[in-house]
């Protein structure tokens, strides 16, 4: 782990396109401003972990496990993805 000291309004660069700026320091809290390209998601770690858990849980669901679909929704077929392109 790299540990850096920064003061208010100072910035850290990650690569060429991610900037982390110390916006405010109050007591034991530091506010950071993060500038990153839209294609790079930025989350607090607890939110990231929650998203990761939800994605893993969703990936484990099998079509036959879903029994409470409304009757007007047809079952998915392997050709559905090809038809939508």
N, C-alpha and C. Protein backbone atom coordinates (compact mmCIF):
# COMPACT_ATOMS: atom_id res chain seq x y z
N UNK A 1 0.86 -1.18 0.00
CA UNK A 1 0.00 0.00 0.00
C UNK A 1 0.90 1.24 0.00
N UNK A 2 0.59 2.14 -0.88
CA UNK A 2 1.29 3.41 -0.94
C UNK A 2 0.56 4.38 -0.01
N UNK A 3 1.28 5.03 0.88
CA UNK A 3 0.69 6.00 1.79
C UNK A 3 1.28 7.37 1.47
N UNK A 4 0.39 8.32 1.18
CA UNK A 4 0.81 9.67 0.83
C UNK A 4 0.19 10.68 1.79
N UNK A 5 0.90 11.75 2.05
CA UNK A 5 0.34 12.85 2.83
C UNK A 5 -0.08 13.95 1.87
N UNK A 6 -1.26 14.48 2.05
CA UNK A 6 -1.77 15.56 1.21
C UNK A 6 -2.46 16.57 2.11
N UNK A 7 -2.48 17.80 1.69
CA UNK A 7 -3.20 18.84 2.40
C UNK A 7 -4.40 19.25 1.56
N UNK A 8 -5.27 20.05 2.16
CA UNK A 8 -6.46 20.51 1.46
C UNK A 8 -6.09 21.12 0.12
N UNK A 9 -6.89 20.79 -0.90
CA UNK A 9 -6.73 21.26 -2.28
C UNK A 9 -5.55 20.63 -3.02
N UNK A 10 -4.89 19.66 -2.43
CA UNK A 10 -3.83 18.95 -3.15
C UNK A 10 -4.41 17.70 -3.79
N UNK A 11 -3.78 17.26 -4.88
CA UNK A 11 -4.32 16.18 -5.70
C UNK A 11 -3.33 15.04 -5.85
N UNK A 12 -3.88 13.84 -5.99
CA UNK A 12 -3.12 12.64 -6.30
C UNK A 12 -3.60 12.17 -7.67
N UNK A 13 -2.68 11.79 -8.53
CA UNK A 13 -3.04 11.26 -9.85
C UNK A 13 -2.87 9.75 -9.85
N UNK A 14 -3.84 9.05 -10.43
CA UNK A 14 -3.75 7.61 -10.66
C UNK A 14 -3.80 7.44 -12.17
N UNK A 15 -2.68 7.02 -12.73
CA UNK A 15 -2.59 6.96 -14.19
C UNK A 15 -2.68 8.36 -14.76
N UNK A 16 -3.19 8.44 -15.99
CA UNK A 16 -3.30 9.73 -16.67
C UNK A 16 -4.66 10.38 -16.52
N UNK A 17 -5.66 9.63 -16.03
CA UNK A 17 -7.01 10.18 -16.10
C UNK A 17 -7.84 10.05 -14.82
N UNK A 18 -7.22 9.75 -13.70
CA UNK A 18 -7.97 9.72 -12.44
C UNK A 18 -7.29 10.67 -11.45
N UNK A 19 -8.06 11.63 -10.97
CA UNK A 19 -7.55 12.61 -10.00
C UNK A 19 -8.32 12.45 -8.69
N UNK A 20 -7.60 12.44 -7.59
CA UNK A 20 -8.22 12.42 -6.26
C UNK A 20 -7.73 13.68 -5.54
N UNK A 21 -8.66 14.55 -5.20
CA UNK A 21 -8.33 15.83 -4.57
C UNK A 21 -8.88 15.87 -3.16
N UNK A 22 -8.06 16.34 -2.22
CA UNK A 22 -8.53 16.55 -0.85
C UNK A 22 -9.36 17.83 -0.86
N UNK A 23 -10.65 17.70 -0.65
CA UNK A 23 -11.57 18.84 -0.72
C UNK A 23 -11.69 19.53 0.63
N UNK A 24 -11.75 18.74 1.71
CA UNK A 24 -11.94 19.31 3.04
C UNK A 24 -11.42 18.34 4.09
N UNK A 25 -10.96 18.90 5.20
CA UNK A 25 -10.53 18.10 6.34
C UNK A 25 -11.18 18.70 7.58
N UNK A 26 -11.98 17.87 8.26
CA UNK A 26 -12.66 18.33 9.49
C UNK A 26 -12.49 17.25 10.55
N UNK A 27 -11.67 17.52 11.54
CA UNK A 27 -11.44 16.53 12.59
C UNK A 27 -10.83 15.27 12.00
N UNK A 28 -11.50 14.14 12.21
CA UNK A 28 -10.98 12.87 11.71
C UNK A 28 -11.61 12.47 10.37
N UNK A 29 -12.29 13.40 9.69
CA UNK A 29 -12.91 13.10 8.40
C UNK A 29 -12.24 13.90 7.29
N UNK A 30 -12.02 13.22 6.18
CA UNK A 30 -11.43 13.83 5.00
C UNK A 30 -12.44 13.70 3.87
N UNK A 31 -12.73 14.78 3.18
CA UNK A 31 -13.61 14.73 2.01
C UNK A 31 -12.73 14.73 0.77
N UNK A 32 -12.98 13.77 -0.10
CA UNK A 32 -12.21 13.62 -1.33
C UNK A 32 -13.08 13.89 -2.54
N UNK A 33 -12.52 14.55 -3.52
CA UNK A 33 -13.18 14.72 -4.81
C UNK A 33 -12.48 13.82 -5.81
N UNK A 34 -13.23 13.05 -6.57
CA UNK A 34 -12.65 12.11 -7.51
C UNK A 34 -13.12 12.44 -8.92
N UNK A 35 -12.18 12.63 -9.81
CA UNK A 35 -12.47 12.87 -11.22
C UNK A 35 -11.96 11.66 -11.99
N UNK A 36 -12.87 10.97 -12.65
CA UNK A 36 -12.51 9.77 -13.42
C UNK A 36 -13.39 9.71 -14.67
N UNK A 37 -12.92 9.03 -15.70
CA UNK A 37 -13.75 8.87 -16.90
C UNK A 37 -15.06 8.16 -16.56
N UNK A 38 -16.13 8.47 -17.29
CA UNK A 38 -17.44 7.85 -17.00
C UNK A 38 -17.42 6.33 -17.05
N UNK A 39 -16.53 5.74 -17.84
CA UNK A 39 -16.50 4.28 -17.96
C UNK A 39 -15.88 3.60 -16.73
N UNK A 40 -15.29 4.38 -15.84
CA UNK A 40 -14.69 3.81 -14.63
C UNK A 40 -15.63 4.08 -13.45
N UNK A 41 -16.25 3.02 -12.92
CA UNK A 41 -17.15 3.22 -11.78
C UNK A 41 -16.36 3.58 -10.52
N UNK A 42 -16.91 4.49 -9.74
CA UNK A 42 -16.28 4.90 -8.48
C UNK A 42 -17.33 4.73 -7.38
N UNK A 43 -17.02 3.90 -6.39
CA UNK A 43 -17.95 3.63 -5.28
C UNK A 43 -17.19 3.62 -3.96
N UNK A 44 -17.90 3.91 -2.87
CA UNK A 44 -17.34 3.63 -1.55
C UNK A 44 -17.18 2.11 -1.46
N UNK A 45 -16.20 1.64 -0.68
CA UNK A 45 -15.92 0.21 -0.65
C UNK A 45 -17.13 -0.60 -0.19
N UNK A 46 -17.88 -0.12 0.80
CA UNK A 46 -19.03 -0.89 1.28
C UNK A 46 -20.11 -1.02 0.20
N UNK A 47 -20.26 0.00 -0.64
CA UNK A 47 -21.21 -0.07 -1.75
C UNK A 47 -20.69 -1.04 -2.81
N UNK A 48 -19.40 -0.97 -3.10
CA UNK A 48 -18.78 -1.87 -4.06
C UNK A 48 -18.95 -3.33 -3.63
N UNK A 49 -18.71 -3.62 -2.36
CA UNK A 49 -18.86 -4.99 -1.85
C UNK A 49 -20.31 -5.46 -1.96
N UNK A 50 -21.25 -4.58 -1.68
CA UNK A 50 -22.66 -4.92 -1.79
C UNK A 50 -23.05 -5.24 -3.24
N UNK A 51 -22.58 -4.42 -4.17
CA UNK A 51 -22.85 -4.65 -5.60
C UNK A 51 -22.25 -5.99 -6.01
N UNK A 52 -21.04 -6.25 -5.58
CA UNK A 52 -20.35 -7.50 -5.92
C UNK A 52 -21.12 -8.71 -5.40
N UNK A 53 -21.60 -8.64 -4.17
CA UNK A 53 -22.39 -9.75 -3.59
C UNK A 53 -23.69 -9.96 -4.36
N UNK A 54 -24.37 -8.88 -4.70
CA UNK A 54 -25.62 -8.99 -5.44
C UNK A 54 -25.39 -9.60 -6.82
N UNK A 55 -24.31 -9.19 -7.48
CA UNK A 55 -23.99 -9.75 -8.80
C UNK A 55 -23.68 -11.24 -8.71
N UNK A 56 -22.94 -11.64 -7.67
CA UNK A 56 -22.62 -13.05 -7.49
C UNK A 56 -23.88 -13.86 -7.21
N UNK A 57 -24.78 -13.31 -6.40
CA UNK A 57 -26.03 -14.00 -6.10
C UNK A 57 -26.89 -14.12 -7.36
N UNK A 58 -26.95 -13.06 -8.15
CA UNK A 58 -27.75 -13.08 -9.37
C UNK A 58 -27.17 -14.06 -10.39
N UNK A 59 -25.86 -14.18 -10.44
CA UNK A 59 -25.22 -15.09 -11.39
C UNK A 59 -25.53 -16.55 -11.05
N UNK A 60 -25.87 -16.82 -9.80
CA UNK A 60 -26.15 -18.18 -9.39
C UNK A 60 -27.59 -18.61 -9.59
N UNK A 61 -28.46 -17.71 -10.01
CA UNK A 61 -29.87 -18.03 -10.21
C UNK A 61 -30.04 -18.76 -11.53
N UNK A 62 -30.73 -19.87 -11.50
CA UNK A 62 -31.02 -20.64 -12.71
C UNK A 62 -32.45 -20.35 -13.14
N UNK A 63 -32.70 -20.43 -14.42
CA UNK A 63 -34.03 -20.14 -14.94
C UNK A 63 -35.09 -21.01 -14.28
N UNK A 64 -34.76 -22.28 -14.02
CA UNK A 64 -35.74 -23.17 -13.39
C UNK A 64 -36.01 -22.79 -11.93
N UNK A 65 -35.14 -21.99 -11.32
CA UNK A 65 -35.37 -21.53 -9.95
C UNK A 65 -36.41 -20.42 -9.88
N UNK A 66 -36.68 -19.79 -11.00
CA UNK A 66 -37.63 -18.68 -11.03
C UNK A 66 -39.01 -19.25 -11.34
N UNK A 67 -39.85 -19.32 -10.32
CA UNK A 67 -41.16 -19.94 -10.50
C UNK A 67 -42.32 -18.95 -10.42
N UNK A 68 -42.04 -17.74 -9.95
CA UNK A 68 -43.15 -16.80 -9.74
C UNK A 68 -43.22 -15.71 -10.80
N UNK A 69 -42.84 -16.02 -12.05
CA UNK A 69 -42.97 -15.06 -13.13
C UNK A 69 -44.43 -14.93 -13.53
N UNK A 70 -44.85 -13.73 -13.89
CA UNK A 70 -46.22 -13.58 -14.38
C UNK A 70 -46.43 -14.44 -15.62
N UNK A 71 -47.64 -14.94 -15.84
CA UNK A 71 -47.88 -15.85 -16.96
C UNK A 71 -47.67 -15.21 -18.33
N UNK A 72 -47.72 -13.89 -18.45
CA UNK A 72 -47.58 -13.25 -19.75
C UNK A 72 -46.12 -13.06 -20.17
N UNK A 73 -45.17 -13.46 -19.33
CA UNK A 73 -43.75 -13.37 -19.70
C UNK A 73 -43.33 -14.73 -20.24
N UNK A 74 -42.95 -14.76 -21.53
CA UNK A 74 -42.56 -16.05 -22.12
C UNK A 74 -41.20 -16.49 -21.58
N UNK A 75 -40.94 -17.78 -21.57
CA UNK A 75 -39.63 -18.24 -21.12
C UNK A 75 -38.54 -17.78 -22.07
N UNK A 76 -37.35 -17.54 -21.53
CA UNK A 76 -36.23 -17.09 -22.35
C UNK A 76 -35.73 -18.24 -23.21
N UNK A 77 -35.30 -17.90 -24.40
CA UNK A 77 -34.71 -18.92 -25.27
C UNK A 77 -33.28 -18.52 -25.57
N UNK A 78 -32.49 -19.46 -26.04
CA UNK A 78 -31.09 -19.19 -26.35
C UNK A 78 -30.95 -18.21 -27.50
N UNK A 79 -31.97 -18.09 -28.34
CA UNK A 79 -31.90 -17.21 -29.51
C UNK A 79 -32.31 -15.77 -29.21
N UNK A 80 -32.79 -15.49 -27.99
CA UNK A 80 -33.23 -14.13 -27.66
C UNK A 80 -32.12 -13.11 -27.83
N UNK A 81 -30.91 -13.43 -27.39
CA UNK A 81 -29.80 -12.48 -27.49
C UNK A 81 -29.46 -12.19 -28.94
N UNK A 82 -29.52 -13.19 -29.80
CA UNK A 82 -29.20 -12.99 -31.21
C UNK A 82 -30.24 -12.12 -31.89
N UNK A 83 -31.52 -12.28 -31.51
CA UNK A 83 -32.60 -11.53 -32.14
C UNK A 83 -32.54 -10.05 -31.83
N UNK A 84 -31.97 -9.66 -30.68
CA UNK A 84 -31.98 -8.26 -30.25
C UNK A 84 -30.84 -7.45 -30.87
N UNK A 85 -29.90 -8.10 -31.54
CA UNK A 85 -28.77 -7.37 -32.12
C UNK A 85 -29.14 -6.65 -33.38
